[in-house]
Each structure stands twice: as C-alpha cells, then as structure tokens.
Amino acid sequence: MTKKPRTISEAALYFASPAMCRKLRWPGGKPVCPVCSSTRTGQIVTRHLRRCLDCRKQFSDKQGTLFESPLQLGQWFFACWILYNYPKTTCQRLSDLVGVTVRTAWQMRRKWNAGLSLIVRPGTFEDTIKQLFFLSKNQINEVLKPPKSR
C-alpha cells in the first residue's frame, strides 16, 4: 500500500510496515547517525538497533526524539495520524485504537500537543512528523515541565 491512508483501518495497515516508518523517519531512506551524522550504518537485528560504521555508536530509530519510548514507531505514527486527523479523539478511544493503556495514550497525546506547540507551521501530516523528529527530547520535556511554584 503506497497511497496515503484515508480511514483508520487503512492507517493501521499503512503504519504497520517498518519500511514505511523508516521512510517517514529518514526521508532520504538512509538512516543517519545522531552522533556523527554519518549515513554509513549497519543493523543489529537481534537488538533492533543500528550501529554507525564510522563512530561505532549504537542508536535506535527513535533515539533523542519525541517518540523515544518502548512503543514501536508504527504505533506512534498511527497515534499521531489519529490525533492529526481527529484532534478531539479522547484518550480512551486512542488507547482502544492503538492498543495501549489509557495512561500511555494520555502521555502520547500530551507529547503530541507539546510537539505541536513547538512547530512553527504544521502542514501536511508528513511535514508535521518530519518537524517533530527534529525536536529533541529535551525541548519536549521543557514544555512538559510543570511551572515552578513560588
């Protein structure tokens, strides 16, 4: 399936493909090392990690991004697609659709909203996801941090 999803069931199948998630993560198709920005990487299949062939560091597809969590990238993209197309989706409904607990759905929604508040001009879904990947985990945590009490 190469055309963009229009329904929730199409989106579930669309984001289940690791190749499609990789294409959204790295628009050029080649993984880039977050440490040295090299495109020469290998894959550690047994641990679902990548290894840079230049600096020898290991990294995951989600490292240092808004999506860094035990959830699969496909689950994150599916949840983001739902929140992008149906912004008034409740956490209960999101948890039922994505297959996570309500608390996890609440945290996903919270991170999504924090990321959107930092994006200058959200456009299409793909543009929004690409901009969210450029946000660091520290930027998101700064927005999510509770205000200091006096």
N, C-alpha and C. Protein backbone atom coordinates (compact mmCIF):
# COMPACT_ATOMS: atom_id res chain seq x y z
N MET A 1 0.84 -1.18 0.00
CA MET A 1 0.00 0.00 0.00
C MET A 1 0.89 1.24 0.00
N THR A 2 0.85 1.98 -1.09
CA THR A 2 1.69 3.16 -1.18
C THR A 2 0.89 4.45 -1.11
N LYS A 3 -0.41 4.39 -1.37
CA LYS A 3 -1.18 5.62 -1.28
C LYS A 3 -1.45 5.95 0.18
N LYS A 4 -1.69 7.21 0.43
CA LYS A 4 -1.87 7.68 1.80
C LYS A 4 -3.20 7.18 2.36
N PRO A 5 -3.21 6.85 3.65
CA PRO A 5 -4.45 6.32 4.24
C PRO A 5 -5.52 7.40 4.39
N ARG A 6 -6.78 6.97 4.20
CA ARG A 6 -7.89 7.89 4.37
C ARG A 6 -8.79 7.47 5.52
N THR A 7 -8.73 6.20 5.91
CA THR A 7 -9.56 5.72 7.01
C THR A 7 -8.65 5.17 8.11
N ILE A 8 -9.23 4.95 9.27
CA ILE A 8 -8.44 4.44 10.40
C ILE A 8 -7.91 3.04 10.10
N SER A 9 -8.71 2.20 9.46
CA SER A 9 -8.24 0.84 9.15
C SER A 9 -7.11 0.87 8.12
N GLU A 10 -7.19 1.77 7.14
CA GLU A 10 -6.09 1.92 6.17
C GLU A 10 -4.83 2.42 6.87
N ALA A 11 -5.00 3.34 7.82
CA ALA A 11 -3.84 3.88 8.54
C ALA A 11 -3.17 2.81 9.39
N ALA A 12 -3.96 1.93 10.00
CA ALA A 12 -3.40 0.85 10.81
C ALA A 12 -2.52 -0.06 9.97
N LEU A 13 -2.95 -0.37 8.76
CA LEU A 13 -2.15 -1.22 7.86
C LEU A 13 -0.95 -0.45 7.31
N TYR A 14 -1.14 0.80 7.00
CA TYR A 14 -0.10 1.65 6.42
C TYR A 14 1.10 1.79 7.36
N PHE A 15 0.84 2.04 8.65
CA PHE A 15 1.92 2.26 9.61
C PHE A 15 2.43 0.98 10.25
N ALA A 16 1.84 -0.16 9.90
CA ALA A 16 2.34 -1.43 10.41
C ALA A 16 3.63 -1.85 9.71
N SER A 17 3.90 -1.27 8.57
CA SER A 17 5.08 -1.60 7.78
C SER A 17 6.32 -0.87 8.32
N PRO A 18 7.36 -1.62 8.74
CA PRO A 18 8.58 -0.96 9.20
C PRO A 18 9.24 -0.12 8.10
N ALA A 19 9.11 -0.55 6.85
CA ALA A 19 9.71 0.20 5.74
C ALA A 19 9.04 1.58 5.60
N MET A 20 7.74 1.64 5.80
CA MET A 20 7.03 2.92 5.69
C MET A 20 7.43 3.84 6.84
N CYS A 21 7.58 3.27 8.03
CA CYS A 21 8.01 4.08 9.19
C CYS A 21 9.42 4.60 8.97
N ARG A 22 10.29 3.77 8.39
CA ARG A 22 11.66 4.19 8.12
C ARG A 22 11.67 5.32 7.09
N LYS A 23 10.76 5.24 6.12
CA LYS A 23 10.68 6.26 5.08
C LYS A 23 10.24 7.61 5.69
N LEU A 24 9.31 7.56 6.65
CA LEU A 24 8.89 8.79 7.32
C LEU A 24 9.98 9.32 8.24
N ARG A 25 10.73 8.41 8.87
CA ARG A 25 11.77 8.81 9.82
C ARG A 25 12.95 9.46 9.10
N TRP A 26 13.41 8.81 8.04
CA TRP A 26 14.53 9.34 7.24
C TRP A 26 14.04 9.53 5.82
N PRO A 27 13.69 10.75 5.44
CA PRO A 27 13.13 11.00 4.11
C PRO A 27 14.02 10.52 2.97
N GLY A 28 15.32 10.56 3.15
CA GLY A 28 16.22 10.08 2.11
C GLY A 28 16.26 8.56 2.03
N GLY A 29 15.71 7.89 3.03
CA GLY A 29 15.70 6.44 3.04
C GLY A 29 16.88 5.81 3.75
N LYS A 30 17.97 6.58 3.93
CA LYS A 30 19.15 6.05 4.61
C LYS A 30 19.19 6.56 6.04
N PRO A 31 19.36 5.65 7.00
CA PRO A 31 19.49 6.08 8.40
C PRO A 31 20.72 6.95 8.61
N VAL A 32 20.60 7.93 9.49
CA VAL A 32 21.68 8.86 9.78
C VAL A 32 22.04 8.74 11.26
N CYS A 33 23.32 8.63 11.57
CA CYS A 33 23.80 8.52 12.94
C CYS A 33 23.52 9.84 13.68
N PRO A 34 22.88 9.79 14.87
CA PRO A 34 22.61 11.03 15.60
C PRO A 34 23.86 11.64 16.24
N VAL A 35 24.96 10.87 16.32
CA VAL A 35 26.18 11.35 16.94
C VAL A 35 27.07 12.07 15.94
N CYS A 36 27.37 11.41 14.81
CA CYS A 36 28.32 11.98 13.86
C CYS A 36 27.70 12.34 12.50
N SER A 37 26.41 12.10 12.32
CA SER A 37 25.67 12.40 11.08
C SER A 37 26.13 11.60 9.87
N SER A 38 26.73 10.46 10.12
CA SER A 38 27.16 9.59 9.03
C SER A 38 25.98 8.76 8.52
N THR A 39 26.00 8.46 7.22
CA THR A 39 24.96 7.60 6.66
C THR A 39 25.44 6.16 6.53
N ARG A 40 26.69 5.92 6.93
CA ARG A 40 27.22 4.54 6.88
C ARG A 40 26.82 3.83 8.17
N THR A 41 25.70 3.11 8.11
CA THR A 41 25.22 2.41 9.30
C THR A 41 24.91 0.97 8.97
N GLY A 42 24.98 0.15 10.00
CA GLY A 42 24.60 -1.25 9.89
C GLY A 42 23.47 -1.52 10.88
N GLN A 43 22.89 -2.70 10.76
CA GLN A 43 21.77 -3.02 11.63
C GLN A 43 22.13 -4.18 12.54
N ILE A 44 21.79 -4.05 13.83
CA ILE A 44 21.93 -5.14 14.79
C ILE A 44 20.54 -5.76 14.90
N VAL A 45 20.31 -6.83 14.18
CA VAL A 45 18.98 -7.41 14.05
C VAL A 45 18.46 -7.96 15.37
N THR A 46 19.34 -8.58 16.14
CA THR A 46 18.89 -9.22 17.38
C THR A 46 18.42 -8.22 18.43
N ARG A 47 18.86 -6.97 18.35
CA ARG A 47 18.50 -5.97 19.35
C ARG A 47 17.69 -4.81 18.79
N HIS A 48 17.31 -4.86 17.52
CA HIS A 48 16.54 -3.80 16.87
C HIS A 48 17.23 -2.44 17.00
N LEU A 49 18.54 -2.45 16.82
CA LEU A 49 19.33 -1.23 16.89
C LEU A 49 20.13 -1.07 15.60
N ARG A 50 20.69 0.10 15.44
CA ARG A 50 21.62 0.37 14.34
C ARG A 50 22.97 0.71 14.93
N ARG A 51 24.00 0.51 14.12
CA ARG A 51 25.36 0.83 14.57
C ARG A 51 26.04 1.63 13.50
N CYS A 52 26.61 2.76 13.91
CA CYS A 52 27.33 3.61 12.97
C CYS A 52 28.67 2.95 12.65
N LEU A 53 29.01 2.88 11.39
CA LEU A 53 30.26 2.26 10.98
C LEU A 53 31.44 3.21 11.10
N ASP A 54 31.17 4.50 11.31
CA ASP A 54 32.25 5.47 11.47
C ASP A 54 32.61 5.69 12.94
N CYS A 55 31.62 6.04 13.78
CA CYS A 55 31.93 6.32 15.19
C CYS A 55 31.64 5.12 16.09
N ARG A 56 31.08 4.03 15.54
CA ARG A 56 30.82 2.77 16.26
C ARG A 56 29.77 2.88 17.35
N LYS A 57 28.99 3.95 17.39
CA LYS A 57 27.95 4.10 18.40
C LYS A 57 26.68 3.38 17.96
N GLN A 58 25.94 2.84 18.93
CA GLN A 58 24.67 2.20 18.65
C GLN A 58 23.55 3.22 18.86
N PHE A 59 22.52 3.12 18.03
CA PHE A 59 21.37 4.01 18.17
C PHE A 59 20.12 3.33 17.64
N SER A 60 18.99 3.82 18.11
CA SER A 60 17.71 3.30 17.62
C SER A 60 17.06 4.33 16.71
N ASP A 61 15.98 3.93 16.06
CA ASP A 61 15.28 4.84 15.16
C ASP A 61 14.65 6.01 15.91
N LYS A 62 14.37 5.82 17.20
CA LYS A 62 13.65 6.83 17.98
C LYS A 62 14.54 7.61 18.93
N GLN A 63 15.81 7.31 18.98
CA GLN A 63 16.71 7.90 19.97
C GLN A 63 16.74 9.42 19.90
N GLY A 64 16.54 10.06 21.07
CA GLY A 64 16.63 11.50 21.18
C GLY A 64 15.47 12.27 20.59
N THR A 65 14.37 11.58 20.28
CA THR A 65 13.22 12.25 19.68
C THR A 65 12.03 12.20 20.62
N LEU A 66 10.98 12.84 20.20
CA LEU A 66 9.71 12.83 20.91
C LEU A 66 9.19 11.40 21.07
N PHE A 67 9.52 10.52 20.15
CA PHE A 67 8.98 9.17 20.10
C PHE A 67 9.79 8.15 20.89
N GLU A 68 10.78 8.59 21.64
CA GLU A 68 11.62 7.66 22.39
C GLU A 68 10.83 7.05 23.55
N SER A 69 10.45 5.79 23.40
CA SER A 69 9.68 5.05 24.39
C SER A 69 9.70 3.58 23.99
N PRO A 70 9.19 2.70 24.85
CA PRO A 70 9.15 1.28 24.48
C PRO A 70 8.20 0.95 23.33
N LEU A 71 7.33 1.87 22.96
CA LEU A 71 6.38 1.61 21.88
C LEU A 71 7.08 1.55 20.53
N GLN A 72 6.49 0.79 19.62
CA GLN A 72 7.04 0.70 18.27
C GLN A 72 6.75 2.00 17.53
N LEU A 73 7.60 2.30 16.56
CA LEU A 73 7.43 3.52 15.78
C LEU A 73 6.11 3.51 15.02
N GLY A 74 5.68 2.35 14.57
CA GLY A 74 4.39 2.24 13.86
C GLY A 74 3.22 2.63 14.75
N GLN A 75 3.27 2.25 16.04
CA GLN A 75 2.22 2.63 16.97
C GLN A 75 2.20 4.15 17.16
N TRP A 76 3.38 4.73 17.26
CA TRP A 76 3.47 6.18 17.42
C TRP A 76 2.90 6.90 16.20
N PHE A 77 3.30 6.46 15.00
CA PHE A 77 2.81 7.12 13.78
C PHE A 77 1.30 6.96 13.63
N PHE A 78 0.78 5.78 14.00
CA PHE A 78 -0.66 5.54 13.92
C PHE A 78 -1.38 6.48 14.88
N ALA A 79 -0.86 6.60 16.11
CA ALA A 79 -1.48 7.51 17.09
C ALA A 79 -1.40 8.96 16.60
N CYS A 80 -0.27 9.35 16.04
CA CYS A 80 -0.11 10.71 15.53
C CYS A 80 -1.06 10.98 14.37
N TRP A 81 -1.24 9.97 13.51
CA TRP A 81 -2.16 10.12 12.39
C TRP A 81 -3.58 10.35 12.90
N ILE A 82 -3.96 9.58 13.93
CA ILE A 82 -5.30 9.74 14.52
C ILE A 82 -5.44 11.13 15.12
N LEU A 83 -4.45 11.56 15.89
CA LEU A 83 -4.53 12.88 16.54
C LEU A 83 -4.47 14.02 15.54
N TYR A 84 -3.80 13.80 14.41
CA TYR A 84 -3.72 14.84 13.37
C TYR A 84 -5.06 14.98 12.65
N ASN A 85 -5.66 13.84 12.30
CA ASN A 85 -6.90 13.86 11.53
C ASN A 85 -8.15 13.99 12.38
N TYR A 86 -8.09 13.54 13.63
CA TYR A 86 -9.23 13.61 14.55
C TYR A 86 -8.74 14.22 15.87
N PRO A 87 -8.52 15.52 15.92
CA PRO A 87 -7.90 16.15 17.10
C PRO A 87 -8.71 16.04 18.38
N LYS A 88 -10.00 15.80 18.30
CA LYS A 88 -10.81 15.70 19.51
C LYS A 88 -10.95 14.26 20.02
N THR A 89 -10.10 13.37 19.55
CA THR A 89 -10.13 11.98 20.00
C THR A 89 -9.78 11.90 21.48
N THR A 90 -10.59 11.17 22.23
CA THR A 90 -10.32 11.02 23.66
C THR A 90 -9.19 10.03 23.89
N CYS A 91 -8.59 10.08 25.06
CA CYS A 91 -7.50 9.15 25.39
C CYS A 91 -8.02 7.72 25.45
N GLN A 92 -9.26 7.54 25.90
CA GLN A 92 -9.85 6.19 25.95
C GLN A 92 -9.97 5.61 24.55
N ARG A 93 -10.47 6.41 23.62
CA ARG A 93 -10.62 5.96 22.23
C ARG A 93 -9.25 5.71 21.59
N LEU A 94 -8.30 6.59 21.86
CA LEU A 94 -6.95 6.43 21.32
C LEU A 94 -6.31 5.14 21.84
N SER A 95 -6.51 4.85 23.12
CA SER A 95 -5.94 3.63 23.69
C SER A 95 -6.57 2.38 23.07
N ASP A 96 -7.86 2.43 22.79
CA ASP A 96 -8.52 1.30 22.14
C ASP A 96 -8.00 1.08 20.72
N LEU A 97 -7.81 2.16 19.98
CA LEU A 97 -7.37 2.06 18.59
C LEU A 97 -5.91 1.63 18.46
N VAL A 98 -5.04 2.19 19.29
CA VAL A 98 -3.60 1.92 19.18
C VAL A 98 -3.22 0.63 19.91
N GLY A 99 -4.00 0.25 20.92
CA GLY A 99 -3.70 -0.98 21.65
C GLY A 99 -2.75 -0.75 22.82
N VAL A 100 -2.91 0.38 23.50
CA VAL A 100 -2.09 0.71 24.66
C VAL A 100 -3.02 1.03 25.83
N THR A 101 -2.46 1.25 27.00
CA THR A 101 -3.28 1.62 28.15
C THR A 101 -3.73 3.07 28.01
N VAL A 102 -4.71 3.44 28.80
CA VAL A 102 -5.22 4.82 28.76
C VAL A 102 -4.13 5.78 29.20
N ARG A 103 -3.34 5.38 30.20
CA ARG A 103 -2.27 6.26 30.67
C ARG A 103 -1.23 6.50 29.57
N THR A 104 -0.87 5.44 28.84
CA THR A 104 0.08 5.59 27.73
C THR A 104 -0.50 6.47 26.64
N ALA A 105 -1.79 6.29 26.34
CA ALA A 105 -2.45 7.14 25.34
C ALA A 105 -2.45 8.60 25.79
N TRP A 106 -2.66 8.83 27.10
CA TRP A 106 -2.64 10.20 27.63
C TRP A 106 -1.24 10.81 27.45
N GLN A 107 -0.20 10.00 27.73
CA GLN A 107 1.17 10.50 27.58
C GLN A 107 1.50 10.76 26.12
N MET A 108 1.01 9.90 25.22
CA MET A 108 1.24 10.12 23.79
C MET A 108 0.58 11.42 23.33
N ARG A 109 -0.66 11.62 23.77
CA ARG A 109 -1.38 12.84 23.40
C ARG A 109 -0.69 14.08 23.97
N ARG A 110 -0.20 13.97 25.18
CA ARG A 110 0.50 15.09 25.84
C ARG A 110 1.78 15.46 25.08
N LYS A 111 2.54 14.44 24.69
CA LYS A 111 3.77 14.70 23.93
C LYS A 111 3.44 15.27 22.54
N TRP A 112 2.38 14.75 21.92
CA TRP A 112 1.95 15.24 20.61
C TRP A 112 1.60 16.73 20.69
N ASN A 113 0.81 17.10 21.70
CA ASN A 113 0.41 18.51 21.85
C ASN A 113 1.61 19.39 22.17
N ALA A 114 2.55 18.89 22.99
CA ALA A 114 3.75 19.67 23.29
C ALA A 114 4.59 19.86 22.03
N GLY A 115 4.70 18.83 21.22
CA GLY A 115 5.45 18.94 19.97
C GLY A 115 4.80 19.92 19.00
N LEU A 116 3.46 19.87 18.92
CA LEU A 116 2.76 20.80 18.02
C LEU A 116 2.92 22.24 18.47
N SER A 117 3.04 22.46 19.78
CA SER A 117 3.20 23.84 20.26
C SER A 117 4.58 24.41 19.88
N LEU A 118 5.54 23.53 19.59
CA LEU A 118 6.88 23.99 19.21
C LEU A 118 7.08 24.11 17.70
N ILE A 119 6.18 23.53 16.93
CA ILE A 119 6.29 23.58 15.47
C ILE A 119 5.81 24.94 14.97
N VAL A 120 6.58 25.53 14.09
CA VAL A 120 6.27 26.86 13.58
C VAL A 120 5.04 26.82 12.67
N ARG A 121 5.08 25.99 11.64
CA ARG A 121 3.97 25.91 10.69
C ARG A 121 3.65 24.46 10.38
N PRO A 122 2.72 23.84 11.09
CA PRO A 122 2.36 22.48 10.72
C PRO A 122 1.64 22.48 9.38
N GLY A 123 2.02 21.58 8.51
CA GLY A 123 1.40 21.49 7.19
C GLY A 123 0.69 20.16 7.05
N THR A 124 1.14 19.36 6.09
CA THR A 124 0.56 18.04 5.92
C THR A 124 1.04 17.13 7.05
N PHE A 125 0.48 15.95 7.13
CA PHE A 125 0.86 15.02 8.18
C PHE A 125 2.35 14.67 8.09
N GLU A 126 2.83 14.40 6.88
CA GLU A 126 4.24 14.04 6.70
C GLU A 126 5.16 15.17 7.12
N ASP A 127 4.81 16.40 6.77
CA ASP A 127 5.61 17.56 7.17
C ASP A 127 5.64 17.71 8.69
N THR A 128 4.50 17.49 9.32
CA THR A 128 4.42 17.60 10.78
C THR A 128 5.29 16.55 11.45
N ILE A 129 5.25 15.31 10.96
CA ILE A 129 6.06 14.23 11.54
C ILE A 129 7.54 14.54 11.37
N LYS A 130 7.94 15.02 10.20
CA LYS A 130 9.35 15.35 9.96
C LYS A 130 9.82 16.45 10.91
N GLN A 131 8.97 17.45 11.13
CA GLN A 131 9.33 18.52 12.06
C GLN A 131 9.41 18.02 13.49
N LEU A 132 8.52 17.08 13.85
CA LEU A 132 8.56 16.52 15.20
C LEU A 132 9.84 15.73 15.44
N PHE A 133 10.36 15.08 14.40
CA PHE A 133 11.61 14.32 14.55
C PHE A 133 12.80 15.23 14.80
N PHE A 134 12.73 16.47 14.32
CA PHE A 134 13.84 17.38 14.54
C PHE A 134 13.83 18.00 15.93
N LEU A 135 12.71 17.87 16.64
CA LEU A 135 12.66 18.36 18.02
C LEU A 135 13.39 17.38 18.92
N SER A 136 14.19 17.89 19.82
CA SER A 136 14.90 16.98 20.73
C SER A 136 14.00 16.64 21.91
N LYS A 137 14.37 15.57 22.59
CA LYS A 137 13.63 15.13 23.76
C LYS A 137 13.68 16.21 24.84
N ASN A 138 14.78 16.93 24.93
CA ASN A 138 14.92 17.99 25.92
C ASN A 138 13.95 19.14 25.65
N GLN A 139 13.74 19.49 24.38
CA GLN A 139 12.80 20.56 24.04
C GLN A 139 11.38 20.18 24.47
N ILE A 140 11.02 18.93 24.24
CA ILE A 140 9.69 18.45 24.62
C ILE A 140 9.53 18.46 26.13
N ASN A 141 10.56 17.96 26.84
CA ASN A 141 10.49 17.92 28.30
C ASN A 141 10.41 19.30 28.91
N GLU A 142 11.02 20.29 28.26
CA GLU A 142 10.95 21.67 28.75
C GLU A 142 9.52 22.20 28.70
N VAL A 143 8.80 21.84 27.64
CA VAL A 143 7.40 22.26 27.52
C VAL A 143 6.53 21.52 28.53
N LEU A 144 6.84 20.22 28.74
CA LEU A 144 6.02 19.40 29.63
C LEU A 144 6.31 19.65 31.12
N LYS A 145 7.41 20.31 31.40
CA LYS A 145 7.79 20.52 32.79
C LYS A 145 6.77 21.41 33.49
N PRO A 146 6.34 21.02 34.72
CA PRO A 146 5.37 21.87 35.42
C PRO A 146 5.99 23.20 35.81
N PRO A 147 5.19 24.26 35.87
CA PRO A 147 5.74 25.57 36.24
C PRO A 147 6.25 25.56 37.67
N LYS A 148 7.28 26.38 37.90
CA LYS A 148 7.88 26.46 39.24
C LYS A 148 6.91 27.16 40.18
N SER A 149 6.78 26.59 41.36
CA SER A 149 5.93 27.22 42.36
C SER A 149 6.75 28.20 43.18
N ARG A 150 6.13 29.18 43.72
CA ARG A 150 6.85 30.21 44.48
C ARG A 150 7.02 29.84 45.90
